[in-house]
């Protein structure tokens, strides 16, 4: 499958980039600056590793440190939010495409006032997506938001090469003959969108498009990328808390419930072999982030220098 299409699909179903989770810090929340964490104790015979990604990032900002490469080399399996083998299998992905569309013949025009509808229509007319509005307006609005990286803070597929940490790690793991795993299914991630009313999704889409003309919003994304490069997951968490939330009221569905669901899956995998987990960096921090939840479950989770 064409790599650009896979990148687009990744941006749709790995849905935590840009989420602004409203969680408070606790004693178990991480304070150290690191994207790579070692998981030990609680009966494990070998350590596993947890790495925070950004699903799509400009090539010039892409960094893969030696400690990450080493941790991956030592692992028997790499596990993503979803199994990346499925993402590169066209036959497996085709049924998921139908889940992108709204039910009951609902269209975007049904959800927005005329002014906002025309704003969206004009925006996608100018975009590089090779799809007509008659097709796009039938899609769930959150899929449109994530198919259009510009609406997620100004990053465009045409602003130089865009890199996916998941794709890069996946290709490395393939060359090393690693087992590939997923913490949840693509079907589950797609179903999450059905838990948010279409009208609320449409309003998020409009706000996202308006933010592409907001230099402050673009600057915030740049600051977030710099924090990521500096491995400052706590700073990222605080920045997201301070900005408010485009998904206010849906944080549990989009982020926190998924964090909780992942822990028993991770426990089962780690009990059998050394695993390298790669998930969105937005899942790591906070009192209900993956690091804190693993600590609550009895594991020792420490940053890797």
Protein backbone atom coordinates (compact mmCIF):
# COMPACT_ATOMS: atom_id res chain seq x y z
CA UNK A 1 0.00 0.00 0.00
CA UNK A 2 1.23 3.50 -0.75
CA UNK A 3 3.03 4.86 2.30
CA UNK A 4 1.30 8.25 2.12
CA UNK A 5 -2.11 6.56 2.34
CA UNK A 6 -0.95 4.61 5.39
CA UNK A 7 0.20 7.87 7.00
CA UNK A 8 -3.20 9.43 6.34
CA UNK A 9 -4.99 6.43 7.80
CA UNK A 10 -2.70 6.47 10.84
CA UNK A 11 -3.62 10.10 11.44
CA UNK A 12 -7.27 9.09 11.45
CA UNK A 13 -7.37 6.09 13.73
CA UNK A 14 -4.56 6.88 16.16
CA UNK A 15 -6.65 9.56 17.71
CA UNK A 16 -4.67 11.07 20.56
CA UNK A 17 -2.54 13.64 18.77
CA UNK A 18 -3.80 17.02 19.95
CA UNK A 19 -6.18 15.74 22.61
CA UNK A 20 -6.21 17.98 25.63
CA UNK A 21 -6.78 15.66 28.56
CA UNK A 22 -7.92 17.25 31.80
CA UNK A 23 -6.04 15.16 34.34
CA UNK A 24 -4.28 16.25 37.49
CA UNK A 25 -0.86 15.10 38.64
CA UNK A 26 -0.44 12.68 41.51
CA UNK A 27 2.42 11.01 43.30
CA UNK A 28 2.55 8.32 40.61
CA UNK A 29 2.51 10.76 37.70
CA UNK A 30 5.94 11.07 36.03
CA UNK A 31 7.96 14.25 36.57
CA UNK A 32 11.20 13.27 34.81
CA UNK A 33 11.92 14.28 31.22
CA UNK A 34 11.95 11.14 29.10
CA UNK A 35 10.07 9.54 26.23
CA UNK A 36 11.48 6.08 26.98
CA UNK A 37 10.60 4.24 30.21
CA UNK A 38 11.72 0.89 31.61
CA UNK A 39 9.06 -1.36 33.18
CA UNK A 40 10.32 -3.78 35.85
CA UNK A 41 9.22 -5.71 38.93
CA UNK A 42 5.86 -7.25 39.79
CA UNK A 43 7.07 -10.69 38.74
CA UNK A 44 8.66 -9.74 35.41
CA UNK A 45 11.75 -11.80 34.57
CA UNK A 46 12.94 -9.28 31.97
CA UNK A 47 12.20 -5.55 31.67
CA UNK A 48 9.91 -4.14 29.01
CA UNK A 49 9.93 -0.62 27.61
CA UNK A 50 7.37 2.13 26.98
CA UNK A 51 8.03 4.81 24.36
CA UNK A 52 5.91 7.90 23.64
CA UNK A 53 5.40 8.83 20.00
CA UNK A 54 3.93 11.63 17.94
CA UNK A 55 1.95 9.94 15.21
CA UNK A 56 2.91 12.48 12.52
CA UNK A 57 5.79 14.96 12.68
CA UNK A 58 7.84 16.97 10.20
CA UNK A 59 10.89 15.11 8.96
CA UNK A 60 13.17 17.88 10.20
CA UNK A 61 11.87 17.34 13.75
CA UNK A 62 12.06 13.55 13.73
CA UNK A 63 14.52 12.14 16.30
CA UNK A 64 15.10 8.52 17.24
CA UNK A 65 17.64 8.33 20.03
CA UNK A 66 20.13 5.50 20.48
CA UNK A 67 18.50 4.35 23.74
CA UNK A 68 15.24 3.82 21.84
CA UNK A 69 16.97 1.85 19.09
CA UNK A 70 18.75 -0.27 21.71
CA UNK A 71 15.54 -0.99 23.64
CA UNK A 72 13.82 -2.08 20.43
CA UNK A 73 16.73 -4.31 19.43
CA UNK A 74 16.61 -6.08 22.81
CA UNK A 75 12.84 -6.67 22.72
CA UNK A 76 11.21 -9.81 21.36
CA UNK A 77 8.06 -7.92 20.31
CA UNK A 78 6.99 -4.39 19.47
CA UNK A 79 3.43 -3.43 20.37
CA UNK A 80 1.63 -0.36 19.03
CA UNK A 81 -1.80 1.06 19.87
CA UNK A 82 -3.01 -1.14 17.02
CA UNK A 83 -1.21 -3.92 15.17
CA UNK A 84 0.69 -2.25 12.34
CA UNK A 85 0.52 -5.44 10.27
CA UNK A 86 -3.19 -4.70 9.88
CA UNK A 87 -2.42 -1.13 8.77
CA UNK A 88 -0.41 -2.36 5.80
CA UNK A 89 -2.93 -5.03 4.77
CA UNK A 90 -5.36 -3.55 2.24
CA UNK A 91 -7.80 -6.45 2.62
CA UNK A 92 -7.95 -5.86 6.38
CA UNK A 93 -8.38 -2.10 5.99
CA UNK A 94 -11.16 -2.04 3.40
CA UNK A 95 -13.97 -2.94 5.86
CA UNK A 96 -12.75 -0.12 8.13
CA UNK A 97 -13.19 2.46 5.40
CA UNK A 98 -16.98 2.03 5.54
CA UNK A 99 -16.91 2.90 9.24
CA UNK A 100 -15.74 6.39 8.33
CA UNK A 101 -19.19 7.37 7.09
CA UNK A 102 -22.11 8.74 9.10
CA UNK A 103 -25.22 6.64 9.59
CA UNK A 104 -28.73 7.33 8.29
CA UNK A 105 -27.50 9.29 5.25
CA UNK A 106 -26.47 12.19 7.47
CA UNK A 107 -24.27 14.79 5.77
CA UNK A 108 -22.17 17.68 7.02
CA UNK A 109 -24.74 20.13 5.67
CA UNK A 110 -27.28 18.66 8.12
CA UNK A 111 -25.00 19.46 11.06
CA UNK A 112 -23.78 23.00 10.37
CA UNK A 113 -25.22 26.43 9.71
CA UNK A 114 -24.71 27.54 6.12
CA UNK A 115 -21.80 29.87 6.92
CA UNK A 116 -19.81 27.14 8.65
CA UNK A 117 -20.67 24.58 5.98
CA UNK A 118 -19.35 26.89 3.25
CA UNK A 119 -16.20 27.48 5.32
CA UNK A 120 -15.55 23.74 5.48
CA UNK A 121 -16.38 23.27 1.80
CA UNK A 122 -13.98 26.01 0.70
CA UNK A 123 -11.25 24.71 3.00
CA UNK A 124 -11.31 21.21 1.56
CA UNK A 125 -11.60 22.58 -1.97
CA UNK A 126 -8.17 24.16 -1.39
CA UNK A 127 -6.71 21.09 0.34
CA UNK A 128 -4.56 18.42 -1.27
CA UNK A 129 -7.06 15.65 -0.57
CA UNK A 130 -8.05 14.16 -3.94
CA UNK A 131 -11.69 13.68 -2.92
CA UNK A 132 -14.83 15.67 -3.88
CA UNK A 133 -16.95 17.41 -1.24
CA UNK A 134 -19.89 15.18 -2.18
CA UNK A 135 -17.81 12.31 -0.79
CA UNK A 136 -16.20 14.11 2.15
CA UNK A 137 -19.42 15.56 3.56
CA UNK A 138 -20.74 12.05 4.24
CA UNK A 139 -17.78 11.19 6.47
CA UNK A 140 -17.85 11.51 10.25
CA UNK A 141 -16.52 15.02 10.97
CA UNK A 142 -13.74 13.82 13.27
CA UNK A 143 -12.36 11.74 10.43
CA UNK A 144 -12.31 14.88 8.29
CA UNK A 145 -10.46 16.73 11.03
CA UNK A 146 -7.79 14.06 11.20
CA UNK A 147 -7.59 13.48 7.45
CA UNK A 148 -6.76 17.17 7.18
CA UNK A 149 -3.60 17.73 9.26
CA UNK A 150 -3.91 21.50 8.70
CA UNK A 151 -7.04 21.46 10.84
CA UNK A 152 -4.99 19.82 13.58
CA UNK A 153 -2.69 22.80 14.02
CA UNK A 154 -1.18 23.86 10.73
CA UNK A 155 0.85 20.79 9.73
CA UNK A 156 0.35 19.83 6.11
CA UNK A 157 1.46 16.77 4.18
CA UNK A 158 2.96 19.25 1.72
CA UNK A 159 5.03 21.18 4.29
CA UNK A 160 8.03 18.99 3.59
CA UNK A 161 8.08 15.30 4.35
CA UNK A 162 5.89 14.10 7.21
CA UNK A 163 7.18 11.17 9.25
CA UNK A 164 5.27 8.69 11.40
CA UNK A 165 7.11 7.27 14.41
CA UNK A 166 4.91 4.19 14.16
CA UNK A 167 5.85 3.57 10.53
CA UNK A 168 9.56 4.11 11.19
CA UNK A 169 9.57 1.78 14.20
CA UNK A 170 7.46 -0.77 12.34
CA UNK A 171 9.90 -0.88 9.44
CA UNK A 172 12.83 -1.25 11.86
CA UNK A 173 11.04 -4.08 13.68
CA UNK A 174 10.32 -5.88 10.42
CA UNK A 175 14.00 -5.79 9.47
CA UNK A 176 14.81 -7.25 12.90
CA UNK A 177 12.13 -9.95 12.55
CA UNK A 178 10.28 -8.79 15.66
CA UNK A 179 6.79 -9.98 16.55
CA UNK A 180 4.21 -7.23 16.02
CA UNK A 181 1.32 -6.63 18.40
CA UNK A 182 -1.46 -4.17 19.22
CA UNK A 183 -3.08 -2.99 22.46
CA UNK A 184 -6.47 -2.63 20.81
CA UNK A 185 -8.05 -3.30 17.44
CA UNK A 186 -8.50 -0.81 14.64
CA UNK A 187 -12.22 -1.63 14.78
CA UNK A 188 -12.32 -0.48 18.40
CA UNK A 189 -10.54 2.78 17.63
CA UNK A 190 -12.95 3.44 14.78
CA UNK A 191 -15.94 2.73 17.04
CA UNK A 192 -14.83 5.42 19.49
CA UNK A 193 -15.99 8.08 17.04
CA UNK A 194 -19.57 6.81 17.32
CA UNK A 195 -19.59 7.76 21.02
CA UNK A 196 -19.28 11.47 20.17
CA UNK A 197 -22.40 13.13 18.65
CA UNK A 198 -21.99 14.07 15.01
CA UNK A 199 -22.91 17.69 15.73
CA UNK A 200 -20.18 17.97 18.36
CA UNK A 201 -17.72 16.46 15.90
CA UNK A 202 -18.77 18.97 13.25
CA UNK A 203 -18.20 21.87 15.64
CA UNK A 204 -14.70 20.53 16.40
CA UNK A 205 -14.02 20.39 12.66
CA UNK A 206 -15.04 24.02 12.17
CA UNK A 207 -12.90 25.16 15.10
CA UNK A 208 -9.97 23.17 13.75
CA UNK A 209 -10.24 24.83 10.35
CA UNK A 210 -10.49 28.28 11.91
CA UNK A 211 -7.34 27.53 13.91
CA UNK A 212 -5.35 27.10 10.68
CA UNK A 213 -5.58 30.88 10.29
CA UNK A 214 -4.73 31.45 13.95
CA UNK A 215 -1.00 32.06 14.34
CA UNK A 216 -1.28 31.43 18.08
CA UNK A 217 -2.62 27.92 17.45
CA UNK A 218 0.19 27.20 15.00
CA UNK A 219 2.74 28.52 17.50
CA UNK A 220 1.29 26.23 20.18
CA UNK A 221 1.86 23.21 17.94
CA UNK A 222 5.46 24.29 17.40
CA UNK A 223 5.96 24.63 21.15
CA UNK A 224 4.43 21.18 21.64
CA UNK A 225 6.83 19.68 19.10
CA UNK A 226 9.78 21.33 20.85
CA UNK A 227 8.60 19.93 24.19
CA UNK A 228 8.39 16.51 22.58
CA UNK A 229 11.93 16.83 21.22
CA UNK A 230 13.04 17.84 24.73
CA UNK A 231 11.22 14.76 26.12
CA UNK A 232 9.18 17.00 28.43
CA UNK A 233 6.02 14.91 28.80
CA UNK A 234 5.02 16.76 31.97
CA UNK A 235 5.37 20.11 30.20
CA UNK A 236 3.24 18.76 27.36
CA UNK A 237 0.65 17.63 29.89
CA UNK A 238 0.55 21.03 31.61
CA UNK A 239 0.34 22.86 28.29
CA UNK A 240 -2.60 20.71 27.21
CA UNK A 241 -4.35 21.30 30.53
CA UNK A 242 -3.85 25.03 30.25
CA UNK A 243 -5.25 25.28 26.74
CA UNK A 244 -8.65 23.84 27.57
CA UNK A 245 -10.10 21.09 25.43
CA UNK A 246 -11.48 20.69 21.94
CA UNK A 247 -12.93 17.39 23.13
CA UNK A 248 -14.22 18.55 26.50
CA UNK A 249 -16.52 15.94 27.97
CA UNK A 250 -15.09 13.14 25.83
CA UNK A 251 -11.64 12.73 27.41
CA UNK A 252 -12.63 9.43 29.05
CA UNK A 253 -13.79 7.93 25.76
CA UNK A 254 -10.86 9.13 23.67
CA UNK A 255 -7.98 8.81 26.11
CA UNK A 256 -8.47 7.70 29.70
CA UNK A 257 -10.68 4.63 29.15
CA UNK A 258 -8.19 3.42 26.59
CA UNK A 259 -5.29 3.89 29.02
CA UNK A 260 -7.11 1.77 31.60
CA UNK A 261 -7.99 -0.91 29.05
CA UNK A 262 -4.38 -1.22 27.95
CA UNK A 263 -2.91 -2.13 31.35
CA UNK A 264 -4.15 -5.76 31.56
CA UNK A 265 -3.17 -6.28 27.91
CA UNK A 266 0.33 -4.98 28.64
CA UNK A 267 0.57 -7.14 31.77
CA UNK A 268 -0.26 -10.29 29.83
CA UNK A 269 2.26 -9.51 27.09
CA UNK A 270 5.08 -8.54 29.49
CA UNK A 271 4.63 -11.71 31.53
CA UNK A 272 5.59 -13.78 28.49
CA UNK A 273 8.39 -11.81 26.82
CA UNK A 274 10.30 -8.55 26.63
CA UNK A 275 8.08 -6.02 24.86
CA UNK A 276 8.71 -2.56 23.40
CA UNK A 277 5.45 -0.57 23.64
CA UNK A 278 5.06 2.47 21.34
CA UNK A 279 2.00 4.66 22.02
CA UNK A 280 1.13 8.33 21.62
CA UNK A 281 3.04 10.52 24.09
CA UNK A 282 -0.29 11.98 25.23
CA UNK A 283 -1.00 8.66 26.93
CA UNK A 284 2.09 8.71 29.17
CA UNK A 285 1.68 11.58 31.63
CA UNK A 286 -0.81 12.49 34.36
CA UNK A 287 -2.34 10.52 37.20
CA UNK A 288 -4.36 8.41 34.76
CA UNK A 289 -1.62 8.07 32.20
CA UNK A 290 -0.06 4.73 31.35
CA UNK A 291 3.04 5.31 33.51
CA UNK A 292 0.99 6.10 36.63
CA UNK A 293 -1.39 3.20 35.99
CA UNK A 294 1.50 0.76 35.62
CA UNK A 295 2.95 2.03 38.89
CA UNK A 296 -0.45 1.63 40.54
CA UNK A 297 -0.46 -1.98 39.28
CA UNK A 298 2.79 -2.66 41.13
CA UNK A 299 5.43 -2.12 38.46
CA UNK A 300 8.56 -0.02 38.80
CA UNK A 301 8.60 2.42 35.88
CA UNK A 302 11.72 4.55 35.47
CA UNK A 303 13.07 6.87 32.76
CA UNK A 304 15.84 5.56 30.53
CA UNK A 305 18.82 7.88 30.07
